[in-house]
Amino acid sequence: MIIDVVVASTSRFQRYGSATCPEDAEDLSGEVILVKIKAAGYEARYQLMPDGIEPIREAVKKSKADAVVICGGTGLTHLDLTMEAVEPLFEKTLPGFGEIFRWRSLEVVGTRAILTRAAAGIYHGKPVFCLPGSPNAARLGMELILAEIGHILKHIGE
């Protein structure tokens, strides 16, 4: 299984350009995601890009991977556009992912968990997961994703 990891961060992109590995962009969240994917026995491809509807949407559309994980851009600032980019692409949503993510986040960050727009959906037979950009959020998100990715892919393929 191959998972494309897209990190949406305008400030990091301006500093490091289109890095193809998290170490080249001092990206702790991307590193956490890649370590978790590889530890689960899967292959990962990393891409850093600026926030924005079109770049994020194009990354999802062009992905040839089995799944896509987008990290960053799920907050409330004017630059947080991940959900605006991908939600219109979703043919089906996986509301349980965001619900469980927020519920589990409540234990760590308290009621600030309501600020996250973590979400997931299906685009052209491919699950797409949207995670907040912090390392802790990346860790939690990957724990949830990797626990169910095989099951999700099985159901999509039926």
Protein backbone atom coordinates (compact mmCIF):
# COMPACT_ATOMS: atom_id res chain seq x y z
CA MET A 1 0.00 0.00 0.00
CA ILE A 2 1.20 3.49 -0.86
CA ILE A 3 0.07 6.58 1.04
CA ASP A 4 0.70 10.07 -0.28
CA VAL A 5 1.45 12.56 2.48
CA VAL A 6 0.74 16.18 1.60
CA VAL A 7 1.81 18.84 4.08
CA ALA A 8 0.05 22.16 3.51
CA SER A 9 2.07 25.00 5.01
CA THR A 10 2.64 28.32 3.27
CA SER A 11 5.26 29.50 5.78
CA ARG A 12 7.23 26.25 5.59
CA PHE A 13 6.92 26.21 1.79
CA GLN A 14 8.24 29.77 1.56
CA ARG A 15 11.21 28.75 3.72
CA TYR A 16 12.04 25.37 2.17
CA GLY A 17 10.33 25.15 -1.23
CA SER A 18 8.80 21.93 -2.51
CA ALA A 19 10.64 19.55 -0.19
CA THR A 20 10.19 15.84 -0.85
CA CYS A 21 11.09 14.66 2.66
CA PRO A 22 10.22 16.15 6.06
CA GLU A 23 13.87 16.38 7.15
CA ASP A 24 14.52 18.88 4.35
CA ALA A 25 11.74 21.12 5.68
CA GLU A 26 12.21 20.73 9.46
CA ASP A 27 8.71 19.22 9.48
CA LEU A 28 8.09 17.28 12.68
CA SER A 29 4.49 16.46 11.81
CA GLY A 30 5.42 15.09 8.41
CA GLU A 31 8.16 13.06 10.03
CA VAL A 32 5.71 11.57 12.56
CA ILE A 33 3.34 10.61 9.76
CA LEU A 34 6.05 8.97 7.65
CA VAL A 35 7.49 7.05 10.60
CA LYS A 36 4.04 5.70 11.50
CA ILE A 37 3.28 4.68 7.90
CA LYS A 38 6.61 2.92 7.47
CA ALA A 39 6.32 1.21 10.88
CA ALA A 40 2.98 -0.21 9.70
CA GLY A 41 4.76 -1.71 6.69
CA TYR A 42 3.44 0.70 4.08
CA GLU A 43 5.17 2.97 1.60
CA ALA A 44 4.84 6.75 1.82
CA ARG A 45 5.52 9.66 -0.51
CA TYR A 46 5.92 13.16 0.96
CA GLN A 47 5.12 16.50 -0.61
CA LEU A 48 5.29 20.00 0.92
CA MET A 49 3.08 22.64 -0.65
CA PRO A 50 1.64 26.04 0.17
CA ASP A 51 -1.86 26.39 1.56
CA GLY A 52 -4.43 27.05 -1.12
CA ILE A 53 -7.47 25.48 -2.66
CA GLU A 54 -5.98 24.68 -6.06
CA PRO A 55 -2.61 23.22 -4.97
CA ILE A 56 -4.24 20.94 -2.40
CA ARG A 57 -7.06 19.91 -4.73
CA GLU A 58 -4.60 19.12 -7.52
CA ALA A 59 -2.45 17.01 -5.18
CA VAL A 60 -5.49 14.88 -4.34
CA LYS A 61 -6.63 14.62 -7.96
CA LYS A 62 -3.17 13.64 -9.24
CA SER A 63 -2.40 11.12 -6.50
CA LYS A 64 -1.85 7.57 -7.73
CA ALA A 65 -1.53 6.26 -4.17
CA ASP A 66 -3.99 4.03 -2.32
CA ALA A 67 -4.74 6.80 0.20
CA VAL A 68 -3.88 10.45 0.84
CA VAL A 69 -3.12 12.11 4.16
CA ILE A 70 -3.14 15.91 4.18
CA CYS A 71 -1.54 17.55 7.21
CA GLY A 72 -2.25 21.20 7.91
CA GLY A 73 -4.79 23.76 6.81
CA THR A 74 -7.68 22.46 8.93
CA GLY A 75 -7.84 25.39 11.33
CA LEU A 76 -9.78 28.63 11.26
CA THR A 77 -7.39 31.22 9.80
CA HIS A 78 -7.88 32.69 6.34
CA LEU A 79 -5.02 30.48 5.08
CA ASP A 80 -6.57 27.25 6.38
CA LEU A 81 -8.15 26.00 3.15
CA THR A 82 -7.67 22.24 3.20
CA MET A 83 -11.31 21.49 3.83
CA GLU A 84 -12.46 24.00 1.23
CA ALA A 85 -10.13 22.28 -1.24
CA VAL A 86 -11.10 18.66 -0.63
CA GLU A 87 -14.65 18.54 0.70
CA PRO A 88 -16.16 19.36 -2.74
CA LEU A 89 -14.24 16.36 -4.13
CA PHE A 90 -15.65 13.87 -1.63
CA GLU A 91 -18.10 11.38 -3.08
CA LYS A 92 -18.68 10.02 0.41
CA THR A 93 -17.68 11.39 3.78
CA LEU A 94 -16.36 9.49 6.79
CA PRO A 95 -17.80 11.65 9.59
CA GLY A 96 -16.71 9.16 12.25
CA PHE A 97 -13.07 10.01 11.60
CA GLY A 98 -13.47 13.68 12.56
CA GLU A 99 -15.80 12.82 15.43
CA ILE A 100 -13.39 10.32 16.97
CA PHE A 101 -10.42 12.62 16.32
CA ARG A 102 -12.11 15.47 18.22
CA TRP A 103 -13.27 13.15 21.00
CA ARG A 104 -9.75 11.79 21.50
CA SER A 105 -8.29 15.32 21.24
CA LEU A 106 -10.61 16.46 24.02
CA GLU A 107 -8.56 14.33 26.43
CA VAL A 108 -5.39 16.24 25.53
CA VAL A 109 -6.36 19.80 24.59
CA GLY A 110 -9.74 20.14 26.28
CA THR A 111 -12.51 22.05 24.61
CA ARG A 112 -10.04 23.54 22.11
CA ALA A 113 -10.74 20.32 20.22
CA ILE A 114 -13.80 22.04 18.71
CA LEU A 115 -11.48 24.23 16.64
CA THR A 116 -10.24 21.35 14.47
CA ARG A 117 -11.89 20.50 11.21
CA ALA A 118 -10.17 17.11 10.90
CA ALA A 119 -12.15 15.10 8.38
CA ALA A 120 -12.05 12.27 5.87
CA GLY A 121 -13.82 11.22 2.73
CA ILE A 122 -13.59 9.15 -0.42
CA TYR A 123 -12.46 10.53 -3.78
CA HIS A 124 -12.38 8.20 -6.81
CA GLY A 125 -12.09 5.09 -4.64
CA LYS A 126 -9.34 6.60 -2.49
CA PRO A 127 -9.63 7.62 1.17
CA VAL A 128 -8.45 11.16 1.87
CA PHE A 129 -7.70 12.14 5.48
CA CYS A 130 -7.27 15.74 6.63
CA LEU A 131 -5.27 16.29 9.83
CA PRO A 132 -4.30 19.37 11.79
CA GLY A 133 -0.65 20.36 11.45
CA SER A 134 0.71 19.75 14.96
CA PRO A 135 2.89 16.72 15.71
CA ASN A 136 0.43 15.50 18.36
CA ALA A 137 -2.45 15.75 15.90
CA ALA A 138 -0.39 13.91 13.28
CA ARG A 139 0.36 11.14 15.80
CA LEU A 140 -3.29 10.76 16.82
CA GLY A 141 -4.57 10.94 13.26
CA MET A 142 -2.18 8.26 12.04
CA GLU A 143 -3.11 6.01 14.95
CA LEU A 144 -6.76 6.22 13.87
CA ILE A 145 -6.02 5.93 10.14
CA LEU A 146 -3.66 2.98 10.37
CA ALA A 147 -6.02 1.07 12.65
CA GLU A 148 -8.71 1.08 9.95
CA ILE A 149 -7.08 1.75 6.56
CA GLY A 150 -7.19 -1.90 5.47
CA HIS A 151 -10.85 -2.18 6.44
CA ILE A 152 -11.68 1.10 4.69
CA LEU A 153 -9.94 0.03 1.47
CA LYS A 154 -11.71 -3.34 1.57
CA HIS A 155 -15.12 -1.68 1.76
CA ILE A 156 -14.30 0.87 -0.94
CA GLY A 157 -13.29 -2.00 -3.23
CA GLU A 158 -16.52 -3.96 -2.80
